[in-house]
Amino acid sequence: MLEVNRKRNQEKEQLARKAIFSLKQEGLPISVATLVQRTGLSRGYFYKMKEIRDLWEKEQATGVQEPVGEFIDPRDKEIEKLKAERDYLIEEKKRLEQVLKKYELGFLTRKDRM
């Protein structure tokens, strides 16, 4: 039971740290209200946990950006997905232009139509 609680507390701490660094990277103000909204943790958590409170106050005051670690912004995944789709569409456009050129020259075969 103690191990489960310790792990849960570590996850909460990591979630809070990621939220603080994320807000900092986005250039948004770091406040308890935004941290509560981003993490789902209680307001009391941010005031009660000294390490998190110190980090929050430091980032709020200094503007120094620390590495986020393993945090992956979900928007990055969407950007990668859209880039892959764009690359596919560029290749498809090239292929269709070749088919059209063959069609205009009268060299279109049944296989090329697909």
Protein backbone atom coordinates (compact mmCIF):
# COMPACT_ATOMS: atom_id res chain seq x y z
CA MET A 1 0.00 0.00 0.00
CA LEU A 2 2.82 2.38 0.83
CA GLU A 3 4.46 1.63 -2.52
CA VAL A 4 1.20 2.40 -4.34
CA ASN A 5 0.87 5.73 -2.52
CA ARG A 6 4.52 6.59 -3.20
CA LYS A 7 4.07 5.86 -6.90
CA ARG A 8 0.86 7.90 -7.06
CA ASN A 9 2.60 10.83 -5.36
CA GLN A 10 5.51 10.63 -7.82
CA GLU A 11 3.05 10.65 -10.73
CA LYS A 12 1.31 13.71 -9.30
CA GLU A 13 4.63 15.48 -8.84
CA GLN A 14 5.72 14.66 -12.39
CA LEU A 15 2.37 15.84 -13.75
CA ALA A 16 2.69 19.12 -11.85
CA ARG A 17 6.28 19.67 -13.05
CA LYS A 18 5.31 19.01 -16.67
CA ALA A 19 2.42 21.44 -16.41
CA ILE A 20 4.67 24.16 -14.98
CA PHE A 21 7.29 23.71 -17.71
CA SER A 22 4.62 23.47 -20.39
CA LEU A 23 3.05 26.76 -19.32
CA LYS A 24 6.51 28.32 -19.24
CA GLN A 25 7.32 27.12 -22.76
CA GLU A 26 4.00 28.39 -24.07
CA GLY A 27 4.69 31.78 -22.51
CA LEU A 28 1.53 31.62 -20.41
CA PRO A 29 1.33 32.91 -16.84
CA ILE A 30 1.93 30.21 -14.25
CA SER A 31 -0.84 30.44 -11.69
CA VAL A 32 -2.46 27.94 -9.38
CA ALA A 33 -5.72 28.23 -11.30
CA THR A 34 -4.10 27.26 -14.62
CA LEU A 35 -2.11 24.47 -12.95
CA VAL A 36 -5.28 23.06 -11.39
CA GLN A 37 -7.03 23.25 -14.75
CA ARG A 38 -4.15 21.55 -16.60
CA THR A 39 -3.49 18.80 -14.07
CA GLY A 40 -6.76 18.15 -12.29
CA LEU A 41 -4.89 18.35 -8.97
CA SER A 42 -6.31 20.38 -6.09
CA ARG A 43 -5.30 23.94 -5.28
CA GLY A 44 -4.12 22.72 -1.91
CA TYR A 45 -1.68 20.34 -3.56
CA PHE A 46 0.28 23.22 -5.10
CA TYR A 47 0.43 25.09 -1.80
CA LYS A 48 1.10 22.02 0.37
CA MET A 49 3.91 20.41 -1.67
CA LYS A 50 6.97 22.55 -0.91
CA GLU A 51 9.09 21.33 -3.85
CA ILE A 52 6.32 22.03 -6.35
CA ARG A 53 5.51 25.38 -4.76
CA ASP A 54 9.19 26.38 -4.87
CA LEU A 55 9.48 25.33 -8.52
CA TRP A 56 6.28 27.17 -9.41
CA GLU A 57 7.43 30.35 -7.65
CA LYS A 58 10.91 30.12 -9.21
CA GLU A 59 9.55 29.69 -12.74
CA GLN A 60 7.02 32.42 -12.18
CA ALA A 61 9.69 34.85 -10.98
CA THR A 62 12.77 34.09 -13.10
CA GLY A 63 11.58 33.08 -16.52
CA VAL A 64 14.37 30.47 -16.69
CA GLN A 65 13.31 27.55 -18.80
CA GLU A 66 14.30 24.11 -17.57
CA PRO A 67 14.18 20.97 -19.69
CA VAL A 68 10.83 19.25 -19.73
CA GLY A 69 12.23 15.75 -19.94
CA GLU A 70 9.92 13.17 -21.44
CA PHE A 71 6.97 15.52 -21.93
CA ILE A 72 5.46 15.14 -25.39
CA ASP A 73 3.11 17.84 -26.51
CA PRO A 74 0.03 16.25 -28.14
CA ARG A 75 0.13 18.97 -30.77
CA ASP A 76 3.51 17.64 -31.92
CA LYS A 77 1.90 14.29 -32.75
CA GLU A 78 -0.79 16.04 -34.78
CA ILE A 79 1.84 18.11 -36.61
CA GLU A 80 3.80 14.96 -37.50
CA LYS A 81 0.63 13.28 -38.72
CA LEU A 82 -0.23 16.26 -40.92
CA LYS A 83 3.31 16.42 -42.31
CA ALA A 84 3.14 12.73 -43.24
CA GLU A 85 -0.22 13.30 -44.92
CA ARG A 86 1.20 16.29 -46.80
CA ASP A 87 4.16 14.22 -48.02
CA TYR A 88 1.80 11.48 -49.18
CA LEU A 89 -0.35 14.00 -51.06
CA ILE A 90 2.70 15.53 -52.75
CA GLU A 91 3.76 12.08 -54.00
CA GLU A 92 0.21 11.30 -55.12
CA LYS A 93 0.07 14.60 -57.01
CA LYS A 94 3.32 13.72 -58.83
CA ARG A 95 1.97 10.29 -59.74
CA LEU A 96 -1.29 11.73 -61.04
CA GLU A 97 0.57 14.37 -63.07
CA GLN A 98 2.53 11.56 -64.74
CA VAL A 99 -0.70 9.69 -65.51
CA LEU A 100 -2.23 12.85 -66.95
CA LYS A 101 0.85 13.48 -69.10
CA LYS A 102 0.68 9.90 -70.45
CA TYR A 103 -3.03 10.36 -71.12
CA GLU A 104 -2.43 13.56 -73.04
CA LEU A 105 0.27 11.86 -75.11
CA GLY A 106 -1.95 8.84 -75.77
CA PHE A 107 0.29 6.34 -73.94
CA LEU A 108 -2.11 5.54 -71.12
CA THR A 109 -2.41 1.84 -70.36
CA ARG A 110 -4.98 0.08 -68.21
CA LYS A 111 -2.42 -0.25 -65.38
CA ASP A 112 -1.65 3.49 -65.41
CA ARG A 113 -5.30 4.41 -64.83
CA MET A 114 -5.16 3.08 -61.28
